[in-house]
């Protein structure tokens, strides 16, 4: 059986569309929007150009779906693992998070978990080495480094389960 072909199409001003035809000849597409959301489309079997179902996912929902489809050690949010037992992972601050609009230092992240926040991704910008007086915003993605337990605790503090 040949490997599935994934076609990538840039969508200027929107993001990127990924199209896949399954071995059962079903057409799936995912539009990765610039704002981090995803739209998943499943096309009709009798008309592969007609979308039968469409589902809009937040960035966090898309990450959870990826975690469900892949073993956790291959999680899309997992960036790096070393023999020292450290991991770097992306952790999103939800718009509804109690930390939205508050200072990073207020989380007491390093004190409570032993982790370090090495960068914050906000829209199309990366903010390296945020200081304790850095103001968090809903939609921020924090790059957290620490032990597996520490990163899980940091995610729990930020509201991700």
Protein backbone atom coordinates (compact mmCIF):
# COMPACT_ATOMS: atom_id res chain seq x y z
CA UNK A 1 0.00 0.00 0.00
CA UNK A 2 1.41 3.41 -0.94
CA UNK A 3 1.81 6.20 1.58
CA UNK A 4 -1.10 8.67 1.74
CA UNK A 5 -0.53 11.85 -0.23
CA UNK A 6 -1.04 15.12 1.58
CA UNK A 7 -1.49 18.13 -0.68
CA UNK A 8 -0.67 21.54 0.80
CA UNK A 9 -2.23 24.74 -0.55
CA UNK A 10 -1.33 28.20 0.80
CA UNK A 11 -4.40 30.37 1.39
CA UNK A 12 -3.13 33.98 1.44
CA UNK A 13 -4.48 35.93 4.38
CA UNK A 14 -6.11 32.79 5.83
CA UNK A 15 -3.50 30.08 6.41
CA UNK A 16 -2.79 26.72 4.78
CA UNK A 17 -5.13 23.98 3.55
CA UNK A 18 -4.07 20.34 3.81
CA UNK A 19 -5.95 17.77 1.70
CA UNK A 20 -5.79 14.00 2.12
CA UNK A 21 -7.52 11.22 0.20
CA UNK A 22 -7.84 8.10 2.36
CA UNK A 23 -7.39 4.52 1.16
CA UNK A 24 -11.20 4.36 1.03
CA UNK A 25 -11.09 7.33 -1.39
CA UNK A 26 -12.59 9.75 1.17
CA UNK A 27 -11.44 13.37 0.93
CA UNK A 28 -10.47 15.12 4.17
CA UNK A 29 -9.19 18.66 4.47
CA UNK A 30 -7.82 20.74 7.31
CA UNK A 31 -7.50 24.50 7.04
CA UNK A 32 -4.87 25.75 9.49
CA UNK A 33 -5.95 29.35 10.08
CA UNK A 34 -3.40 32.02 10.96
CA UNK A 35 -5.15 32.60 14.32
CA UNK A 36 -4.39 29.00 15.41
CA UNK A 37 -7.88 27.61 14.79
CA UNK A 38 -8.48 24.68 12.45
CA UNK A 39 -11.39 23.80 10.19
CA UNK A 40 -11.74 20.09 9.44
CA UNK A 41 -13.81 19.13 6.41
CA UNK A 42 -15.09 15.70 5.36
CA UNK A 43 -16.27 15.51 1.78
CA UNK A 44 -19.09 13.40 0.35
CA UNK A 45 -18.15 9.95 -0.99
CA UNK A 46 -20.37 10.37 -4.05
CA UNK A 47 -19.07 13.90 -4.77
CA UNK A 48 -15.53 14.50 -3.46
CA UNK A 49 -15.83 18.22 -4.24
CA UNK A 50 -18.84 18.68 -1.95
CA UNK A 51 -18.19 19.11 1.78
CA UNK A 52 -20.56 16.92 3.83
CA UNK A 53 -19.37 17.98 7.31
CA UNK A 54 -17.25 20.83 8.61
CA UNK A 55 -15.94 21.32 12.14
CA UNK A 56 -14.16 24.40 13.53
CA UNK A 57 -11.62 23.69 16.30
CA UNK A 58 -9.76 26.07 18.61
CA UNK A 59 -5.98 25.67 18.81
CA UNK A 60 -6.36 23.82 22.12
CA UNK A 61 -9.06 21.53 20.69
CA UNK A 62 -6.85 20.77 17.67
CA UNK A 63 -3.98 19.93 20.04
CA UNK A 64 -6.22 17.59 22.03
CA UNK A 65 -7.31 15.88 18.81
CA UNK A 66 -3.67 15.43 17.78
CA UNK A 67 -2.93 13.92 21.20
CA UNK A 68 -5.84 11.49 20.71
CA UNK A 69 -4.63 10.47 17.24
CA UNK A 70 -0.98 10.04 18.20
CA UNK A 71 0.72 8.44 21.21
CA UNK A 72 1.36 11.03 23.92
CA UNK A 73 5.13 10.76 23.47
CA UNK A 74 4.57 12.12 19.94
CA UNK A 75 2.28 14.95 21.08
CA UNK A 76 2.35 18.03 18.84
CA UNK A 77 2.83 20.21 21.91
CA UNK A 78 5.94 18.23 22.96
CA UNK A 79 8.99 19.98 21.56
CA UNK A 80 12.02 18.18 22.98
CA UNK A 81 13.07 15.43 25.37
CA UNK A 82 16.59 14.78 26.67
CA UNK A 83 18.25 11.95 28.51
CA UNK A 84 18.19 14.25 31.55
CA UNK A 85 14.42 13.87 31.78
CA UNK A 86 13.58 17.40 30.69
CA UNK A 87 10.85 18.29 28.23
CA UNK A 88 9.85 21.50 26.50
CA UNK A 89 6.18 21.82 25.74
CA UNK A 90 3.73 24.38 24.39
CA UNK A 91 1.01 25.32 26.89
CA UNK A 92 -1.79 27.64 25.81
CA UNK A 93 -3.40 30.28 28.00
CA UNK A 94 -7.13 30.14 27.27
CA UNK A 95 -9.08 33.34 26.73
CA UNK A 96 -11.19 32.32 29.73
CA UNK A 97 -8.13 31.57 31.91
CA UNK A 98 -7.90 33.32 35.26
CA UNK A 99 -4.37 34.32 34.16
CA UNK A 100 -5.59 36.30 31.13
CA UNK A 101 -4.39 39.87 31.73
CA UNK A 102 -2.34 38.96 34.82
CA UNK A 103 1.41 38.97 35.34
CA UNK A 104 3.49 35.86 34.68
CA UNK A 105 5.04 36.23 38.14
CA UNK A 106 1.58 35.95 39.72
CA UNK A 107 1.42 32.32 38.56
CA UNK A 108 4.39 31.43 40.83
CA UNK A 109 5.21 28.92 38.08
CA UNK A 110 8.91 28.46 38.84
CA UNK A 111 8.35 28.28 42.61
CA UNK A 112 5.41 25.87 42.40
CA UNK A 113 6.58 23.60 39.56
CA UNK A 114 10.33 24.11 39.07
CA UNK A 115 9.70 24.87 35.39
CA UNK A 116 10.92 27.78 33.31
CA UNK A 117 8.96 29.78 30.75
CA UNK A 118 11.54 30.34 28.01
CA UNK A 119 9.31 32.10 25.48
CA UNK A 120 5.78 33.25 24.80
CA UNK A 121 4.24 32.96 21.35
CA UNK A 122 1.64 35.66 20.75
CA UNK A 123 -0.02 35.84 17.33
CA UNK A 124 2.92 35.93 14.87
CA UNK A 125 5.44 37.13 17.48
CA UNK A 126 7.84 35.24 19.76
CA UNK A 127 8.77 36.88 23.05
CA UNK A 128 11.92 35.23 24.45
CA UNK A 129 12.71 35.05 28.17
CA UNK A 130 9.61 36.78 29.55
CA UNK A 131 10.19 38.42 32.93
CA UNK A 132 7.87 38.06 35.95
CA UNK A 133 6.23 41.39 35.05
CA UNK A 134 5.20 40.09 31.60
CA UNK A 135 1.40 40.37 31.20
CA UNK A 136 -0.23 37.18 29.91
CA UNK A 137 -3.06 37.26 27.38
CA UNK A 138 -5.62 34.71 26.29
CA UNK A 139 -4.31 32.85 23.25
CA UNK A 140 -0.67 33.12 24.36
CA UNK A 141 1.31 29.91 24.00
CA UNK A 142 3.99 29.49 26.64
CA UNK A 143 7.09 27.38 25.96
CA UNK A 144 7.62 25.59 29.27
CA UNK A 145 10.76 23.58 30.12
CA UNK A 146 11.10 21.23 33.09
CA UNK A 147 10.52 17.67 34.19
CA UNK A 148 7.48 15.86 32.81
CA UNK A 149 5.80 16.28 36.21
CA UNK A 150 6.70 19.96 36.40
CA UNK A 151 5.39 20.72 32.91
CA UNK A 152 2.16 18.85 33.71
CA UNK A 153 1.83 20.90 36.92
CA UNK A 154 2.49 24.13 34.97
CA UNK A 155 -0.23 23.16 32.47
CA UNK A 156 -2.62 22.51 35.37
CA UNK A 157 -1.83 25.93 36.87
CA UNK A 158 -2.56 27.55 33.51
CA UNK A 159 -5.86 25.70 33.30
CA UNK A 160 -5.12 22.88 30.88
CA UNK A 161 -5.97 19.43 32.16
